[in-house]
């Protein structure tokens, strides 16, 4: 019997990112696909929502990947353990964690991106800050050549999962009660603070994420301007904010820059509205943008829901991979 629909597996579906990916699938062209939610044995049997529907998490084991067309991994540990098995069983793999440096980085939201090779078996999802900067620089570059770019990135706790969120919450509570703050994740006080680096024993050093974004931008924008980055840990729970400074080769009009940056993936916020923030961007798949400046120099302020934006990119990558796979009978 010919297959009539794709089968998508979300591995690590109980994580913060996994839940967003499940919700994003429901809102995407893959909504009609058979979606399987997989996680470790401890999470197995838990009830999760996918849009307006309810689904149970199943135990992650090799047999669960049989007849799967695309496996989206939202957990780095399970990616290392099961990605090879998924490929061996014929599934294409989407690394939403960004940890597989050997897989090609993908950003389907970038209209001028290079198409996938027909033999591609695994791809790596672009980091949300890579997405924000690549979209802004590519679209701004349609007005005039970009001479230089500099960006300050404010990172939220949710970038590194639930454990980091919980530690920031506990630090905040403890400090307000004049108690010592836990530092297992950050190895320093993040609550009520703004830092260019974490402690030496931090589980997720800022420099590692910054270096990843630089590598991805160089890959996605070959020959293009890669901004000088200043990466900061912000005392916020969710949502990236980025201050991008762009200098053009020649004077351009504000209206032209604003029009070029506006797209399906970037929503321009006017001066009369509330400025983009990690709060206003929560739950949105678009990057919120505000542009100021004149002549050759412009300041671009951006905010995005990091989990939602990563989930949207991951599902777009899965859609790309399904288009390389036949469905139904081949005549």
Protein backbone atom coordinates (compact mmCIF):
# COMPACT_ATOMS: atom_id res chain seq x y z
CA UNK A 1 0.00 0.00 0.00
CA UNK A 2 1.37 3.41 -0.93
CA UNK A 3 2.12 5.90 1.83
CA UNK A 4 -0.45 8.70 1.88
CA UNK A 5 1.08 10.94 4.49
CA UNK A 6 4.44 11.80 6.04
CA UNK A 7 5.47 10.63 9.50
CA UNK A 8 7.31 13.17 11.66
CA UNK A 9 8.97 12.31 14.97
CA UNK A 10 9.75 15.03 17.54
CA UNK A 11 12.52 13.66 19.79
CA UNK A 12 12.79 15.42 23.14
CA UNK A 13 9.18 16.52 22.80
CA UNK A 14 8.83 17.17 26.53
CA UNK A 15 11.51 19.88 26.55
CA UNK A 16 10.75 23.59 26.20
CA UNK A 17 11.88 23.53 22.57
CA UNK A 18 10.18 20.20 21.84
CA UNK A 19 6.82 21.56 22.95
CA UNK A 20 7.21 24.59 20.69
CA UNK A 21 8.11 22.34 17.74
CA UNK A 22 4.98 20.24 18.31
CA UNK A 23 2.81 23.37 18.34
CA UNK A 24 4.54 24.75 15.25
CA UNK A 25 3.90 21.57 13.26
CA UNK A 26 0.16 21.99 13.84
CA UNK A 27 0.30 25.51 12.35
CA UNK A 28 2.47 24.51 9.36
CA UNK A 29 1.94 22.77 6.00
CA UNK A 30 2.93 19.58 7.85
CA UNK A 31 -0.22 19.73 10.00
CA UNK A 32 -1.67 16.69 8.23
CA UNK A 33 1.44 14.59 8.93
CA UNK A 34 1.39 11.79 11.49
CA UNK A 35 3.38 13.30 14.36
CA UNK A 36 5.00 11.10 17.02
CA UNK A 37 6.17 12.68 20.29
CA UNK A 38 9.19 10.91 21.79
CA UNK A 39 11.17 11.48 24.98
CA UNK A 40 13.08 9.60 27.64
CA UNK A 41 11.46 6.92 29.77
CA UNK A 42 10.87 9.29 32.70
CA UNK A 43 8.69 11.55 30.54
CA UNK A 44 6.95 8.69 28.75
CA UNK A 45 3.17 8.67 29.19
CA UNK A 46 2.92 12.36 29.99
CA UNK A 47 0.11 14.21 28.26
CA UNK A 48 1.19 17.09 26.01
CA UNK A 49 -0.77 19.49 23.85
CA UNK A 50 -0.22 19.99 20.13
CA UNK A 51 -2.23 23.03 19.20
CA UNK A 52 -5.76 22.19 20.36
CA UNK A 53 -5.09 18.44 20.42
CA UNK A 54 -3.69 16.24 23.18
CA UNK A 55 -0.97 13.63 22.64
CA UNK A 56 1.01 11.26 24.84
CA UNK A 57 4.79 11.19 24.97
CA UNK A 58 6.17 7.83 23.89
CA UNK A 59 9.43 6.28 25.05
CA UNK A 60 12.41 7.04 22.82
CA UNK A 61 13.81 3.75 21.50
CA UNK A 62 15.11 2.64 18.09
CA UNK A 63 11.86 0.89 17.16
CA UNK A 64 9.97 4.17 17.53
CA UNK A 65 11.86 5.55 14.51
CA UNK A 66 10.64 2.89 12.07
CA UNK A 67 8.86 4.29 8.99
CA UNK A 68 9.60 7.87 10.09
CA UNK A 69 10.29 10.32 7.26
CA UNK A 70 11.81 13.15 9.32
CA UNK A 71 13.04 13.10 12.92
CA UNK A 72 13.34 16.53 14.58
CA UNK A 73 15.67 16.41 17.59
CA UNK A 74 15.04 18.95 20.35
CA UNK A 75 17.42 17.26 22.81
CA UNK A 76 21.20 17.21 22.30
CA UNK A 77 21.82 14.02 24.28
CA UNK A 78 19.22 12.05 22.33
CA UNK A 79 20.55 13.51 19.08
CA UNK A 80 23.98 12.05 19.81
CA UNK A 81 22.47 8.71 20.76
CA UNK A 82 19.79 8.23 18.11
CA UNK A 83 20.50 10.43 15.06
CA UNK A 84 22.59 7.70 13.41
CA UNK A 85 19.85 5.15 14.05
CA UNK A 86 17.25 7.46 12.53
CA UNK A 87 19.32 7.91 9.37
CA UNK A 88 19.99 4.17 9.13
CA UNK A 89 16.24 3.58 9.23
CA UNK A 90 15.72 5.97 6.34
CA UNK A 91 14.66 9.10 8.21
CA UNK A 92 16.06 12.53 7.49
CA UNK A 93 17.27 14.31 10.64
CA UNK A 94 16.73 17.91 11.74
CA UNK A 95 19.05 18.99 14.56
CA UNK A 96 17.09 21.75 16.32
CA UNK A 97 19.71 21.89 19.09
CA UNK A 98 22.47 23.11 16.75
CA UNK A 99 25.06 20.77 18.26
CA UNK A 100 25.99 18.72 15.17
CA UNK A 101 28.68 20.94 13.67
CA UNK A 102 29.21 18.54 10.76
CA UNK A 103 25.66 18.95 9.43
CA UNK A 104 24.96 21.89 7.08
CA UNK A 105 23.27 24.83 8.77
CA UNK A 106 19.87 25.70 7.30
CA UNK A 107 17.74 28.84 7.40
CA UNK A 108 14.76 28.32 5.05
CA UNK A 109 13.35 31.71 6.13
CA UNK A 110 16.21 33.32 4.18
CA UNK A 111 14.73 33.74 0.71
CA UNK A 112 18.11 33.75 -1.05
CA UNK A 113 19.32 30.57 0.64
CA UNK A 114 21.06 27.75 -1.21
CA UNK A 115 18.69 24.85 -2.04
CA UNK A 116 19.17 21.51 -0.33
CA UNK A 117 21.24 18.80 -1.97
CA UNK A 118 19.10 15.81 -2.95
CA UNK A 119 21.33 13.51 -0.90
CA UNK A 120 21.05 15.53 2.32
CA UNK A 121 20.30 13.24 5.28
CA UNK A 122 20.80 15.64 8.21
CA UNK A 123 20.63 19.41 8.68
CA UNK A 124 21.31 21.78 11.56
CA UNK A 125 18.85 24.53 12.45
CA UNK A 126 20.24 28.06 12.54
CA UNK A 127 20.43 29.71 15.96
CA UNK A 128 17.65 32.30 16.53
CA UNK A 129 20.23 35.13 16.70
CA UNK A 130 21.71 33.88 13.42
CA UNK A 131 18.21 34.10 11.99
CA UNK A 132 17.65 37.62 13.29
CA UNK A 133 20.98 38.97 12.03
CA UNK A 134 20.99 37.11 8.70
CA UNK A 135 17.50 38.32 7.83
CA UNK A 136 18.22 41.93 8.86
CA UNK A 137 21.55 42.17 7.05
CA UNK A 138 20.37 40.42 3.90
CA UNK A 139 17.27 42.55 3.58
CA UNK A 140 19.02 45.80 4.48
CA UNK A 141 21.69 44.98 1.90
CA UNK A 142 19.08 45.23 -0.85
CA UNK A 143 18.98 48.99 -0.30
CA UNK A 144 22.74 49.54 -0.44
CA UNK A 145 25.96 47.68 0.31
CA UNK A 146 26.64 47.30 4.03
CA UNK A 147 30.05 48.71 4.96
CA UNK A 148 30.13 47.53 8.59
CA UNK A 149 27.87 46.00 11.21
CA UNK A 150 28.03 45.66 15.00
CA UNK A 151 25.57 43.90 17.29
CA UNK A 152 24.92 43.60 21.00
CA UNK A 153 23.02 40.44 21.90
CA UNK A 154 21.02 40.04 25.14
CA UNK A 155 20.59 36.35 25.92
CA UNK A 156 17.71 34.95 28.05
CA UNK A 157 17.91 32.05 30.48
CA UNK A 158 15.65 29.86 28.33
CA UNK A 159 18.43 29.66 25.71
CA UNK A 160 19.86 26.80 27.77
CA UNK A 161 16.70 25.01 28.83
CA UNK A 162 14.57 24.47 31.88
CA UNK A 163 17.43 24.07 34.37
CA UNK A 164 18.72 27.58 33.58
CA UNK A 165 15.21 29.02 33.84
CA UNK A 166 14.73 27.39 37.22
CA UNK A 167 18.07 28.69 38.50
CA UNK A 168 17.33 32.28 37.46
CA UNK A 169 13.95 32.04 39.18
CA UNK A 170 15.49 30.64 42.37
CA UNK A 171 18.27 33.23 42.34
CA UNK A 172 15.69 36.01 42.10
CA UNK A 173 13.61 34.62 44.97
CA UNK A 174 16.61 33.96 47.21
CA UNK A 175 18.20 37.36 46.68
CA UNK A 176 14.93 39.16 47.45
CA UNK A 177 14.87 37.18 50.68
CA UNK A 178 18.52 38.00 51.47
CA UNK A 179 19.59 34.37 50.96
CA UNK A 180 22.50 32.93 48.96
CA UNK A 181 21.73 32.20 45.31
CA UNK A 182 22.27 28.83 43.59
CA UNK A 183 24.89 28.92 40.82
CA UNK A 184 25.08 25.36 39.46
CA UNK A 185 24.10 26.40 35.92
CA UNK A 186 25.62 29.87 35.56
CA UNK A 187 28.43 29.68 38.17
CA UNK A 188 27.65 33.31 39.00
CA UNK A 189 24.77 35.60 39.91
CA UNK A 190 22.62 36.31 36.85
CA UNK A 191 19.53 37.66 38.61
CA UNK A 192 19.46 41.49 38.72
CA UNK A 193 22.70 41.50 36.76
CA UNK A 194 24.03 41.94 33.21
CA UNK A 195 27.16 40.00 32.27
CA UNK A 196 29.54 39.65 29.28
CA UNK A 197 30.69 36.25 30.61
CA UNK A 198 29.54 33.59 33.06
CA UNK A 199 31.60 31.79 35.69
CA UNK A 200 34.37 29.43 34.65
CA UNK A 201 32.31 26.38 35.64
CA UNK A 202 29.14 27.50 33.85
CA UNK A 203 27.46 24.66 31.97
CA UNK A 204 26.78 26.82 28.90
CA UNK A 205 29.49 29.49 28.37
CA UNK A 206 28.37 32.56 26.43
CA UNK A 207 31.40 32.39 24.16
CA UNK A 208 30.35 28.98 22.82
CA UNK A 209 26.99 30.33 21.62
CA UNK A 210 28.62 33.46 20.20
CA UNK A 211 31.14 31.40 18.24
CA UNK A 212 28.34 29.20 16.89
CA UNK A 213 26.45 32.24 15.57
CA UNK A 214 29.58 33.65 13.90
CA UNK A 215 30.21 30.30 12.16
CA UNK A 216 26.63 30.10 10.98
CA UNK A 217 26.61 33.66 9.63
CA UNK A 218 29.80 33.02 7.68
CA UNK A 219 28.17 29.93 6.17
CA UNK A 220 24.84 31.57 5.36
CA UNK A 221 26.25 34.93 4.20
CA UNK A 222 29.38 34.00 2.25
CA UNK A 223 31.25 37.18 1.43
CA UNK A 224 28.68 39.21 3.32
CA UNK A 225 29.14 41.38 6.42
CA UNK A 226 29.46 39.36 9.63
CA UNK A 227 28.88 41.80 12.49
CA UNK A 228 31.22 42.24 15.42
CA UNK A 229 29.30 40.76 18.34
CA UNK A 230 29.05 41.71 22.02
CA UNK A 231 27.22 38.86 23.78
CA UNK A 232 25.58 39.52 27.16
CA UNK A 233 23.65 37.34 29.59
CA UNK A 234 20.52 39.27 30.53
CA UNK A 235 18.49 38.67 33.72
CA UNK A 236 15.38 37.75 31.70
CA UNK A 237 13.67 34.41 31.40
CA UNK A 238 12.71 34.37 27.74
CA UNK A 239 13.30 36.08 24.41
CA UNK A 240 16.41 37.39 22.64
CA UNK A 241 16.94 41.11 22.11
CA UNK A 242 19.52 42.39 19.62
CA UNK A 243 20.81 45.90 19.01
CA UNK A 244 22.26 45.98 15.48
CA UNK A 245 24.20 48.97 14.14
CA UNK A 246 24.55 49.08 10.35
CA UNK A 247 26.71 51.43 8.29
CA UNK A 248 25.98 51.61 4.55
CA UNK A 249 28.43 52.45 1.77
CA UNK A 250 26.22 55.35 0.68
CA UNK A 251 23.40 57.46 2.17
CA UNK A 252 19.96 55.86 2.10
CA UNK A 253 16.50 56.93 3.23
CA UNK A 254 14.96 55.63 6.47
CA UNK A 255 11.81 54.69 4.57
CA UNK A 256 13.84 52.57 2.16
CA UNK A 257 15.63 50.71 4.96
CA UNK A 258 12.39 50.14 6.85
CA UNK A 259 10.63 48.84 3.73
CA UNK A 260 13.50 46.50 2.88
CA UNK A 261 13.67 45.00 6.35
CA UNK A 262 9.92 44.36 6.54
CA UNK A 263 9.03 40.84 5.38
CA UNK A 264 6.97 37.79 6.26
CA UNK A 265 9.55 36.93 8.91
CA UNK A 266 10.23 40.46 10.21
CA UNK A 267 7.48 42.73 11.53
CA UNK A 268 8.36 46.43 11.57
CA UNK A 269 7.10 48.30 14.64
CA UNK A 270 6.56 52.02 14.14
CA UNK A 271 7.56 54.72 16.63
CA UNK A 272 3.93 55.20 17.64
CA UNK A 273 3.67 51.61 18.90
CA UNK A 274 5.34 49.86 21.80
CA UNK A 275 8.99 49.09 20.99
CA UNK A 276 9.99 45.47 20.39
CA UNK A 277 10.78 43.60 23.60
CA UNK A 278 11.18 40.08 24.86
CA UNK A 279 7.66 40.41 26.32
CA UNK A 280 5.94 41.71 23.18
CA UNK A 281 7.63 39.06 21.03
CA UNK A 282 6.55 36.13 23.23
CA UNK A 283 4.63 33.51 21.28
CA UNK A 284 5.35 35.10 17.90
CA UNK A 285 7.19 33.41 15.05
CA UNK A 286 8.28 36.75 13.59
CA UNK A 287 11.17 39.00 14.57
CA UNK A 288 9.90 42.37 15.84
CA UNK A 289 11.98 45.26 14.49
CA UNK A 290 12.35 49.00 14.97
CA UNK A 291 14.67 51.09 12.77
CA UNK A 292 16.17 54.51 13.51
CA UNK A 293 18.79 56.63 11.77
CA UNK A 294 19.53 58.58 8.61
CA UNK A 295 22.24 58.92 6.00
CA UNK A 296 24.63 56.00 6.16
CA UNK A 297 24.17 54.90 9.80
CA UNK A 298 21.18 53.03 11.21
CA UNK A 299 20.28 51.37 14.50
CA UNK A 300 18.08 48.29 14.25
CA UNK A 301 16.48 47.06 17.48
CA UNK A 302 15.11 43.49 17.30
CA UNK A 303 13.35 41.10 19.66
CA UNK A 304 12.25 37.52 19.12
CA UNK A 305 10.85 34.54 20.98
CA UNK A 306 13.91 32.29 20.80
CA UNK A 307 12.06 29.00 21.23
CA UNK A 308 9.28 29.90 18.80
CA UNK A 309 11.73 31.14 16.17
CA UNK A 310 13.89 28.00 16.49
CA UNK A 311 10.79 25.80 16.28
CA UNK A 312 9.57 27.64 13.19
CA UNK A 313 12.95 27.20 11.50
CA UNK A 314 13.12 23.52 12.50
CA UNK A 315 9.70 22.79 10.99
CA UNK A 316 10.64 24.72 7.84
CA UNK A 317 13.75 22.50 7.58
CA UNK A 318 11.56 19.40 8.00
CA UNK A 319 9.28 20.67 5.23
CA UNK A 320 12.32 21.12 2.96
CA UNK A 321 13.41 17.55 3.64
CA UNK A 322 9.96 16.07 2.99
CA UNK A 323 9.98 17.68 -0.44
CA UNK A 324 13.00 15.51 -1.28
CA UNK A 325 11.05 12.37 -0.41
CA UNK A 326 8.36 10.77 -2.61
CA UNK A 327 4.82 10.39 -1.26
CA UNK A 328 2.34 7.96 -2.77
CA UNK A 329 2.95 5.87 -5.86
CA UNK A 330 5.74 6.80 -8.25
CA UNK A 331 4.42 6.55 -11.81
